[in-house]
Protein backbone atom coordinates (compact mmCIF):
# COMPACT_ATOMS: atom_id res chain seq x y z
CA MET A 1 57.03 -117.39 -64.83
CA MET A 2 53.50 -116.03 -65.46
CA ASN A 3 52.02 -119.21 -63.97
CA LYS A 4 53.95 -118.60 -60.77
CA PHE A 5 52.95 -114.93 -60.80
CA TRP A 6 49.21 -115.70 -61.01
CA TYR A 7 49.56 -118.55 -58.53
CA LEU A 8 51.12 -116.23 -55.94
CA THR A 9 48.49 -113.57 -56.64
CA ARG A 10 45.62 -116.03 -56.18
CA TYR A 11 47.29 -117.51 -53.11
CA GLY A 12 47.70 -114.06 -51.55
CA LEU A 13 44.04 -113.20 -52.15
CA LYS A 14 42.75 -116.56 -50.87
CA LYS A 15 44.88 -116.24 -47.76
CA LYS A 16 43.34 -112.85 -46.97
CA PHE A 17 39.74 -113.76 -47.77
CA LYS A 18 39.87 -117.04 -45.81
CA SER A 19 41.51 -115.51 -42.75
CA LYS A 20 39.42 -115.35 -39.57
CA SER A 21 40.28 -111.67 -39.11
CA PHE A 22 38.80 -110.77 -42.52
CA ILE A 23 35.60 -112.75 -41.93
CA ILE A 24 35.09 -111.48 -38.37
CA SER A 25 35.91 -107.86 -39.23
CA ASN A 26 33.52 -107.82 -42.19
CA ILE A 27 30.72 -109.33 -40.13
CA ILE A 28 31.30 -106.66 -37.48
CA ILE A 29 31.46 -103.86 -40.07
CA ALA A 30 28.24 -105.02 -41.73
CA LEU A 31 26.45 -105.23 -38.37
CA VAL A 32 27.77 -101.81 -37.26
CA LEU A 33 26.55 -100.16 -40.48
CA LEU A 34 23.20 -101.91 -40.12
CA VAL A 35 22.91 -100.59 -36.56
CA ILE A 36 23.97 -97.05 -37.55
CA PHE A 37 21.37 -96.83 -40.31
CA ASN A 38 18.63 -98.13 -37.99
CA ILE A 39 19.76 -96.69 -34.66
CA ASP A 40 16.48 -94.81 -34.07
CA SER A 41 14.42 -97.97 -34.68
CA ILE A 42 16.62 -99.96 -32.29
CA ILE A 43 16.35 -97.31 -29.58
CA SER A 44 12.58 -97.20 -30.05
CA PHE A 45 12.41 -100.99 -29.73
CA PHE A 46 14.12 -100.81 -26.34
CA GLY A 47 11.94 -98.00 -25.05
CA GLY A 48 13.11 -94.90 -26.89
CA ASP A 49 10.51 -92.70 -28.51
CA PHE A 50 11.05 -91.06 -31.89
CA GLU A 51 7.48 -90.98 -33.06
CA ASN A 52 5.68 -88.79 -30.50
CA ASP A 53 6.03 -85.07 -30.98
CA THR A 54 7.65 -82.95 -28.32
CA LYS A 55 5.05 -80.52 -27.01
CA ILE A 56 6.07 -76.98 -26.13
CA TYR A 57 3.65 -75.35 -23.68
CA VAL A 58 3.80 -71.56 -23.54
CA ILE A 59 2.58 -69.58 -20.54
CA ASP A 60 2.24 -66.04 -21.88
CA ASN A 61 2.12 -63.72 -18.89
CA THR A 62 2.43 -60.72 -21.25
CA ASN A 63 -0.84 -61.67 -23.00
CA GLU A 64 0.56 -60.53 -26.36
CA SER A 65 3.63 -62.61 -27.22
CA PHE A 66 2.38 -66.14 -27.98
CA ASP A 67 1.33 -65.67 -31.63
CA THR A 68 4.61 -63.97 -32.52
CA LEU A 69 6.62 -66.64 -30.67
CA LYS A 70 4.78 -69.48 -32.39
CA THR A 71 5.21 -67.95 -35.85
CA SER A 72 8.92 -67.26 -35.26
CA PHE A 73 9.62 -70.73 -33.88
CA GLU A 74 7.84 -72.61 -36.67
CA SER A 75 9.46 -70.52 -39.43
CA MET A 76 12.89 -71.14 -37.93
CA LYS A 77 12.27 -74.88 -37.73
CA ILE A 78 11.28 -74.98 -41.40
CA SER A 79 14.33 -72.98 -42.49
CA ILE A 80 16.64 -75.30 -40.54
CA ASN A 81 15.14 -78.59 -41.66
CA GLU A 82 11.88 -78.79 -43.57
CA SER A 83 11.49 -82.54 -42.93
CA SER A 84 11.48 -82.03 -39.15
CA ALA A 85 9.28 -78.96 -39.06
CA ASP A 86 6.41 -80.87 -37.40
CA ASN A 87 8.53 -82.67 -34.76
CA ASN A 88 7.90 -79.99 -32.11
CA LYS A 89 4.37 -78.72 -31.53
CA ILE A 90 3.87 -75.40 -29.74
CA TYR A 91 0.72 -74.67 -27.70
CA LYS A 92 -0.59 -71.86 -25.54
CA SER A 93 -1.43 -73.11 -22.06
CA GLU A 94 -3.87 -71.61 -19.57
CA LYS A 95 -2.65 -73.82 -16.72
CA ASN A 96 -0.47 -72.51 -13.95
CA ILE A 97 3.20 -73.34 -13.81
CA ASP A 98 2.90 -75.95 -11.04
CA ASP A 99 0.26 -77.96 -12.89
CA LEU A 100 2.29 -77.90 -16.07
CA LYS A 101 5.37 -79.14 -14.24
CA LYS A 102 3.39 -82.19 -13.15
CA ASP A 103 2.13 -82.75 -16.71
CA ILE A 104 5.61 -82.93 -18.22
CA GLU A 105 7.01 -85.44 -15.74
CA ASP A 106 8.65 -88.40 -17.53
CA THR A 107 8.24 -86.72 -20.93
CA THR A 108 10.36 -84.69 -23.32
CA ASP A 109 7.86 -81.83 -23.26
CA ILE A 110 8.98 -78.24 -22.69
CA ILE A 111 7.49 -75.32 -20.77
CA VAL A 112 8.25 -71.77 -21.88
CA GLU A 113 7.14 -69.08 -19.46
CA ILE A 114 7.20 -65.53 -20.87
CA ASN A 115 7.16 -62.62 -18.46
CA ALA A 116 7.15 -58.86 -18.87
CA ASP A 117 10.38 -57.13 -17.86
CA LYS A 118 10.54 -53.37 -17.30
CA ASP A 119 14.28 -53.18 -17.92
CA ASN A 120 14.51 -55.56 -20.88
CA TYR A 121 10.93 -55.72 -22.29
CA MET A 122 10.74 -59.47 -21.81
CA SER A 123 12.21 -62.39 -19.85
CA ALA A 124 11.60 -66.11 -20.18
CA ASN A 125 12.00 -69.42 -18.37
CA ILE A 126 12.53 -72.72 -20.22
CA ILE A 127 11.58 -75.69 -18.04
CA THR A 128 11.99 -79.41 -18.80
CA GLU A 129 12.22 -82.72 -16.97
CA ASN A 130 15.48 -83.60 -18.70
CA TYR A 131 17.98 -82.11 -21.15
CA ILE A 132 16.86 -80.47 -24.40
CA ASP A 133 18.65 -81.22 -27.64
CA THR A 134 20.88 -78.33 -28.69
CA LEU A 135 19.06 -77.56 -31.94
CA THR A 136 15.65 -77.21 -30.28
CA TYR A 137 17.06 -75.10 -27.46
CA GLN A 138 18.88 -72.69 -29.77
CA THR A 139 15.80 -72.39 -31.98
CA LEU A 140 13.69 -71.53 -28.95
CA ILE A 141 16.20 -68.90 -27.80
CA GLN A 142 16.24 -67.27 -31.25
CA ALA A 143 12.43 -67.32 -31.44
CA ILE A 144 12.16 -65.68 -28.01
CA ASN A 145 14.66 -62.96 -28.99
CA THR A 146 12.79 -62.35 -32.25
CA THR A 147 9.52 -62.11 -30.32
CA LYS A 148 11.02 -59.56 -27.94
CA TYR A 149 12.30 -57.49 -30.89
CA GLN A 150 8.97 -57.48 -32.69
CA GLN A 151 6.94 -56.78 -29.57
CA ALA A 152 9.25 -53.90 -28.69
CA LEU A 153 8.66 -52.38 -32.12
CA LEU A 154 4.91 -52.83 -31.83
CA ASN A 155 4.87 -51.11 -28.45
CA SER A 156 6.91 -48.18 -29.74
CA ASN A 157 3.97 -46.71 -31.69
CA ILE A 158 5.76 -47.04 -35.03
CA ASP A 159 3.63 -46.71 -38.15
CA ALA A 160 2.45 -50.09 -39.45
CA ASN A 161 4.05 -49.59 -42.87
CA GLU A 162 7.34 -48.60 -41.29
CA LEU A 163 7.15 -51.59 -38.98
CA ALA A 164 6.64 -53.91 -41.97
CA LYS A 165 9.69 -52.40 -43.67
CA ILE A 166 11.81 -52.88 -40.56
CA SER A 167 10.65 -56.49 -40.09
CA ASN A 168 11.21 -57.58 -43.70
CA PRO A 169 14.57 -59.28 -44.41
CA VAL A 170 17.21 -57.37 -46.36
CA ASN A 171 17.35 -58.12 -50.10
CA VAL A 172 20.98 -58.98 -50.81
CA GLU A 173 22.30 -59.29 -54.36
CA ARG A 174 25.74 -60.85 -54.82
CA ILE A 175 27.83 -59.04 -57.48
CA ILE A 176 31.27 -60.20 -58.63
CA LEU A 177 33.18 -57.75 -60.83
CA ASP A 178 35.43 -60.41 -62.37
CA GLU A 179 33.40 -61.77 -65.29
CA THR A 180 35.24 -65.08 -65.17
CA LYS A 181 33.87 -65.73 -61.66
CA ASN A 182 30.32 -66.64 -60.68
CA THR A 183 28.32 -67.18 -57.53
CA GLU A 184 27.91 -70.90 -58.26
CA GLU A 185 31.67 -71.44 -57.93
CA GLU A 186 31.69 -69.35 -54.78
CA ASN A 187 28.95 -71.51 -53.27
CA MET A 188 30.82 -74.62 -54.39
CA ASN A 189 33.94 -73.48 -52.51
CA ALA A 190 31.89 -73.09 -49.35
CA ILE A 191 30.12 -76.43 -49.71
CA MET A 192 33.22 -78.37 -50.76
CA GLY A 193 35.07 -77.05 -47.74
CA VAL A 194 32.60 -79.04 -45.63
CA VAL A 195 31.66 -81.95 -47.92
CA PHE A 196 34.92 -82.81 -49.68
CA PRO A 197 36.92 -83.90 -46.58
CA SER A 198 34.26 -86.55 -45.94
CA ILE A 199 34.31 -87.70 -49.57
CA ILE A 200 38.11 -88.14 -49.76
CA LEU A 201 38.48 -89.69 -46.29
CA PRO A 202 37.80 -93.28 -47.50
CA PHE A 203 40.53 -93.00 -50.17
CA PHE A 204 42.99 -91.71 -47.60
CA MET A 205 42.15 -94.66 -45.33
CA LEU A 206 42.58 -97.10 -48.22
CA ILE A 207 46.10 -95.83 -48.87
CA VAL A 208 46.96 -96.23 -45.18
CA LEU A 209 45.55 -99.78 -45.19
CA LEU A 210 47.45 -100.66 -48.36
CA VAL A 211 50.80 -99.43 -47.04
CA GLN A 212 50.37 -101.30 -43.77
CA MET A 213 49.32 -104.53 -45.47
CA ILE A 214 52.14 -104.68 -48.02
CA GLY A 215 54.85 -103.53 -45.65
CA GLY A 216 53.59 -105.76 -42.84
CA GLU A 217 53.47 -108.89 -45.00
CA ILE A 218 56.97 -108.44 -46.41
CA ASN A 219 58.37 -107.63 -42.98
CA GLU A 220 56.68 -110.73 -41.51
CA GLU A 221 58.07 -112.98 -44.27
CA LYS A 222 61.55 -111.65 -43.57
CA THR A 223 61.41 -111.90 -39.78
CA THR A 224 60.07 -115.49 -39.95
CA ARG A 225 62.67 -116.41 -42.64
CA SER A 226 59.92 -117.75 -44.90
CA MET A 227 61.16 -115.29 -47.53
CA GLU A 228 64.17 -117.53 -48.19
CA VAL A 229 61.90 -120.45 -49.08
CA ILE A 230 59.73 -118.29 -51.37
CA ILE A 231 62.67 -116.74 -53.25
CA SER A 232 64.24 -120.15 -53.78
CA ASN A 233 61.19 -121.06 -55.89
CA VAL A 234 60.28 -117.79 -57.63
CA SER A 235 62.18 -114.70 -58.68
CA ALA A 236 62.13 -111.56 -56.55
CA LYS A 237 60.39 -109.71 -59.40
CA VAL A 238 57.52 -112.21 -59.55
CA HIS A 239 57.15 -112.21 -55.78
CA PHE A 240 57.16 -108.42 -55.57
CA PHE A 241 54.63 -107.66 -58.29
CA SER A 242 52.29 -110.50 -57.34
CA LYS A 243 52.18 -109.15 -53.81
CA LEU A 244 51.42 -105.65 -55.05
CA LEU A 245 48.62 -106.89 -57.31
CA ALA A 246 47.08 -109.14 -54.65
CA ASN A 247 47.00 -106.40 -52.03
CA ASN A 248 45.63 -103.77 -54.41
CA LEU A 249 42.88 -106.13 -55.54
CA PHE A 250 42.08 -106.93 -51.93
CA VAL A 251 41.73 -103.25 -51.02
CA ILE A 252 39.46 -102.61 -54.03
CA ILE A 253 37.26 -105.62 -53.22
CA GLN A 254 37.07 -104.57 -49.55
CA THR A 255 35.95 -101.11 -50.67
CA LEU A 256 33.19 -102.60 -52.81
CA LEU A 257 32.08 -104.74 -49.87
CA LEU A 258 31.85 -101.67 -47.64
CA PHE A 259 29.73 -99.98 -50.31
CA VAL A 260 27.44 -103.03 -50.44
CA TYR A 261 27.11 -103.06 -46.63
CA GLY A 262 26.14 -99.39 -46.75
CA LEU A 263 23.46 -100.06 -49.37
CA ILE A 264 22.09 -102.96 -47.31
CA GLY A 265 21.90 -100.70 -44.26
CA PHE A 266 20.17 -97.95 -46.23
CA PHE A 267 17.59 -100.25 -47.82
CA SER A 268 16.97 -102.06 -44.53
CA ARG A 269 15.97 -98.70 -43.08
CA ASN A 270 13.49 -98.20 -45.89
CA LEU A 271 12.24 -101.76 -45.50
CA PHE A 272 11.69 -101.85 -41.74
CA ASN A 273 10.76 -98.25 -41.00
CA SER A 274 9.48 -96.26 -43.92
CA GLY A 275 8.31 -93.41 -41.67
CA MET A 276 11.70 -92.70 -40.16
CA SER A 277 13.52 -93.41 -43.40
CA SER A 278 11.72 -90.55 -45.09
CA ASP A 279 13.68 -88.05 -42.99
CA LEU A 280 16.98 -89.60 -44.08
CA THR A 281 15.84 -89.76 -47.69
CA ASN A 282 14.79 -86.10 -47.56
CA SER A 283 18.13 -85.11 -46.03
CA ILE A 284 20.04 -86.93 -48.76
CA SER A 285 17.80 -85.36 -51.40
CA ASP A 286 18.39 -81.90 -49.92
CA ALA A 287 22.16 -82.46 -49.93
CA ILE A 288 22.07 -83.59 -53.57
CA ASP A 289 20.00 -80.54 -54.53
CA SER A 290 22.49 -78.23 -52.80
CA LEU A 291 25.40 -79.83 -54.64
CA SER A 292 23.59 -79.71 -57.98
CA LYS A 293 23.07 -75.95 -57.61
CA THR A 294 26.84 -75.47 -57.40
CA GLY A 295 27.31 -77.00 -60.87
CA LEU A 296 29.32 -79.92 -59.49
CA PHE A 297 27.35 -82.58 -61.36
CA ASP A 298 28.11 -80.88 -64.68
CA LYS A 299 31.80 -81.62 -64.10
CA LEU A 300 31.49 -85.24 -63.01
CA TYR A 301 31.79 -86.66 -66.54
CA TYR A 302 35.48 -85.73 -66.58
CA VAL A 303 36.24 -85.40 -62.84
CA ILE A 304 35.40 -89.03 -62.03
CA PRO A 305 37.56 -90.68 -64.76
CA LEU A 306 40.55 -88.45 -64.01
CA THR A 307 40.19 -89.06 -60.28
CA LEU A 308 40.02 -92.84 -60.76
CA ILE A 309 43.17 -92.78 -62.92
CA LEU A 310 45.00 -90.76 -60.26
CA LEU A 311 43.81 -93.12 -57.53
CA VAL A 312 44.92 -96.28 -59.34
CA LEU A 313 48.33 -94.82 -60.17
CA SER A 314 48.73 -93.56 -56.60
CA PHE A 315 47.81 -96.98 -55.19
CA ILE A 316 50.60 -98.42 -57.31
CA ALA A 317 53.03 -95.67 -56.22
CA TYR A 318 52.38 -96.15 -52.51
CA SER A 319 52.53 -99.93 -52.96
CA LEU A 320 55.94 -99.68 -54.64
CA ILE A 321 57.36 -97.47 -51.91
CA ALA A 322 55.94 -99.60 -49.07
CA GLY A 323 57.20 -102.84 -50.61
CA ILE A 324 60.67 -101.53 -51.47
CA LEU A 325 61.31 -99.95 -48.08
CA ALA A 326 59.82 -102.91 -46.17
CA SER A 327 62.25 -105.26 -47.97
CA MET A 328 65.12 -103.56 -46.14
CA THR A 329 63.62 -104.04 -42.68
CA THR A 330 64.68 -106.84 -40.35
CA ASN A 331 62.24 -106.31 -37.48
CA PRO A 332 58.88 -104.67 -36.75
CA GLU A 333 60.59 -101.59 -35.28
CA ASP A 334 62.33 -100.91 -38.59
CA PHE A 335 59.02 -101.21 -40.41
CA GLN A 336 57.41 -98.64 -38.11
CA HIS A 337 60.26 -96.24 -38.85
CA ILE A 338 59.91 -96.50 -42.62
CA GLN A 339 56.11 -96.33 -42.42
CA THR A 340 56.12 -92.97 -40.60
CA PRO A 341 57.34 -90.74 -43.48
CA ILE A 342 54.92 -92.43 -45.89
CA MET A 343 52.02 -91.75 -43.53
CA LEU A 344 53.11 -88.12 -43.09
CA ILE A 345 53.06 -87.59 -46.86
CA CYS A 346 49.60 -89.13 -47.04
CA PHE A 347 48.38 -86.95 -44.16
CA ALA A 348 49.75 -83.87 -45.90
CA SER A 349 47.87 -84.78 -49.08
CA TYR A 350 44.60 -85.22 -47.17
CA TYR A 351 44.80 -81.94 -45.26
CA LEU A 352 45.91 -79.94 -48.30
CA ALA A 353 42.94 -81.35 -50.23
CA ALA A 354 40.56 -80.59 -47.33
CA MET A 355 41.78 -76.97 -47.19
CA ALA A 356 42.10 -76.50 -50.96
CA SER A 357 39.48 -73.75 -51.13
CA MET A 358 41.61 -71.58 -48.81
CA PHE A 359 44.48 -71.39 -51.31
CA ASN A 360 42.58 -69.69 -54.12
CA GLY A 361 45.00 -68.50 -56.83
CA SER A 362 48.09 -69.78 -55.04
CA LEU A 363 50.90 -70.94 -57.34
CA PHE A 364 52.31 -72.99 -54.47
CA ILE A 365 49.23 -75.20 -54.13
CA LYS A 366 49.07 -75.61 -57.91
CA VAL A 367 52.67 -76.86 -58.00
CA LEU A 368 51.96 -79.25 -55.12
CA SER A 369 49.09 -80.74 -57.12
CA TYR A 370 51.66 -82.04 -59.64
CA ILE A 371 53.76 -83.89 -57.05
CA PRO A 372 53.29 -87.70 -56.99
CA LEU A 373 51.93 -89.16 -53.71
CA ILE A 374 50.17 -85.84 -53.04
CA SER A 375 48.33 -85.29 -56.31
CA PHE A 376 45.87 -88.19 -55.90
CA LEU A 377 43.75 -86.20 -53.40
CA LEU A 378 44.84 -82.63 -54.05
CA SER A 379 44.42 -82.48 -57.84
CA PRO A 380 40.77 -83.65 -57.92
CA SER A 381 39.80 -81.20 -55.17
CA LEU A 382 41.44 -78.28 -56.99
CA LEU A 383 39.83 -79.40 -60.25
CA VAL A 384 36.35 -79.48 -58.71
CA ILE A 385 36.59 -75.94 -57.31
CA GLY A 386 38.11 -74.61 -60.54
CA GLN A 387 41.61 -73.72 -59.33
CA ILE A 388 43.26 -75.99 -61.89
CA GLY A 389 42.17 -77.38 -65.26
CA ILE A 390 42.15 -80.73 -67.04
CA ILE A 391 45.62 -80.05 -68.48
CA ASP A 392 47.01 -79.64 -64.94
CA VAL A 393 45.51 -82.96 -63.90
CA GLY A 394 46.99 -84.49 -67.06
CA ILE A 395 50.43 -83.26 -65.96
CA SER A 396 49.87 -84.88 -62.55
CA ILE A 397 48.98 -88.19 -64.23
CA VAL A 398 52.07 -88.09 -66.49
CA LEU A 399 54.35 -87.36 -63.52
CA LEU A 400 52.78 -90.25 -61.61
CA LEU A 401 53.41 -92.58 -64.54
CA VAL A 402 57.06 -91.49 -64.67
CA PHE A 403 57.35 -91.87 -60.90
CA ASN A 404 55.95 -95.41 -61.00
CA TYR A 405 58.21 -96.42 -63.89
CA VAL A 406 61.34 -95.15 -62.14
CA PHE A 407 60.46 -96.81 -58.84
CA ALA A 408 59.46 -100.07 -60.50
CA LYS A 409 62.71 -100.19 -62.47
CA TYR A 410 65.25 -99.03 -59.91
CA GLY A 411 63.34 -99.93 -56.78
CA LEU A 412 63.31 -103.56 -57.85
CA LYS A 413 67.11 -103.56 -57.50
CA ILE A 414 66.76 -102.51 -53.87
CA TYR A 415 64.05 -105.13 -53.35
CA LYS A 416 66.17 -107.98 -54.77
CA VAL A 417 69.00 -107.13 -52.41
CA GLY A 418 66.84 -106.22 -49.44
CA ILE A 419 64.62 -109.28 -49.10
CA LEU A 420 67.61 -111.48 -48.27
CA ASN A 421 69.58 -108.81 -46.45
CA TYR A 422 69.67 -109.32 -42.67
CA SER A 423 72.48 -106.86 -42.02
CA THR A 424 72.53 -105.02 -38.69
CA ASP A 425 73.61 -101.76 -40.35
CA LYS A 426 71.34 -98.76 -40.06
CA MET A 427 68.29 -99.21 -42.29
CA TRP A 428 68.72 -96.10 -44.44
CA LYS A 429 72.39 -96.97 -44.92
CA ARG A 430 71.35 -100.39 -46.23
CA ILE A 431 68.86 -98.76 -48.61
CA PHE A 432 71.41 -96.38 -50.13
CA LYS A 433 73.97 -99.17 -50.42
CA ALA A 434 71.46 -101.37 -52.25
CA ALA A 435 70.48 -98.52 -54.59
CA LYS A 436 74.10 -98.12 -55.74
CA MET A 437 74.43 -101.75 -56.77
């Protein structure tokens, strides 16, 4: 029996890896990632320009605003993104507006004309040949408003010391009365609310892929009547578990391939364009530094193993449900019906995990983290932000083990009956009838 089990597993994997769809899709994915990582180099090759700085020419008709504007603009650029602080150069121009308009034709350069305004201290015109990127435009607007504010104070005959006090930023100290809380966890909640949905998205997509693959294959074997030939040679148990193992291994291998494609894309950027790659490297380094300040990396030694255990057990759980329910289908429409509730549960798990930081202290969200099929994304997110502990995750793992055991034991009964059941009764009626046998 074991020989047949491993034969079916190997056959299932070979069939997937040798299929044209797998080969073509992986070639496309690898090329797309390569293009994404090197999109600026590709655009530059076909005429785009990422290397030349955008020049900002300032016509200061007030004769007193340029220095303040330049200082404000450059400080804002540095605070937003230190690696791109030198991308936009700002200059004071003595040319008239018409000559400058001719100079910026067919360029990305910008003209800022500052005028005195009796009613509002200052007004400004921003002139370009084409559109300005949103970040640069908003930075310019903020710098102009800051310049107006500072010039208004200077012209109000305020004492220099008082003016310095007004201009200095407010010193803010964060104090939390609860001694069990700290600012690092607070910062982590804010960061994880943005970062974590992106981190867990691939695992959510893997579950969706796994459910569709297992359910689709079983449904196809039933609708083409090839299932009868297979079951005449191997037992339903061997067929079922070999299919689960083959599909889970395929999903894991596909994930590793995607990771490899990403690394190739990243290193190709460093290889072909070291100048542009430094910005990406700096951005990644900044993101890692921000995460390290939250204390996240101090928890990884136990978060990663627990998360992997939950993922593996959840893969098995979703595989069992998809395979068991798909065995009772007789056409693609039935399969779509049974797939919908599984997808809704998976969606619920993803969105609850993405919004985990909003449920601070909620008993409801803690209870949900124990529930199989939901816990694989929710429990790790709650563990990272400190809303549950290792013991809670342990409970989630135990409940998943029990869930898998029950479904493997009793679900196999439904599978044995379902794979050769072509009844026209309603699908859920067939499932309940098979479960009673």
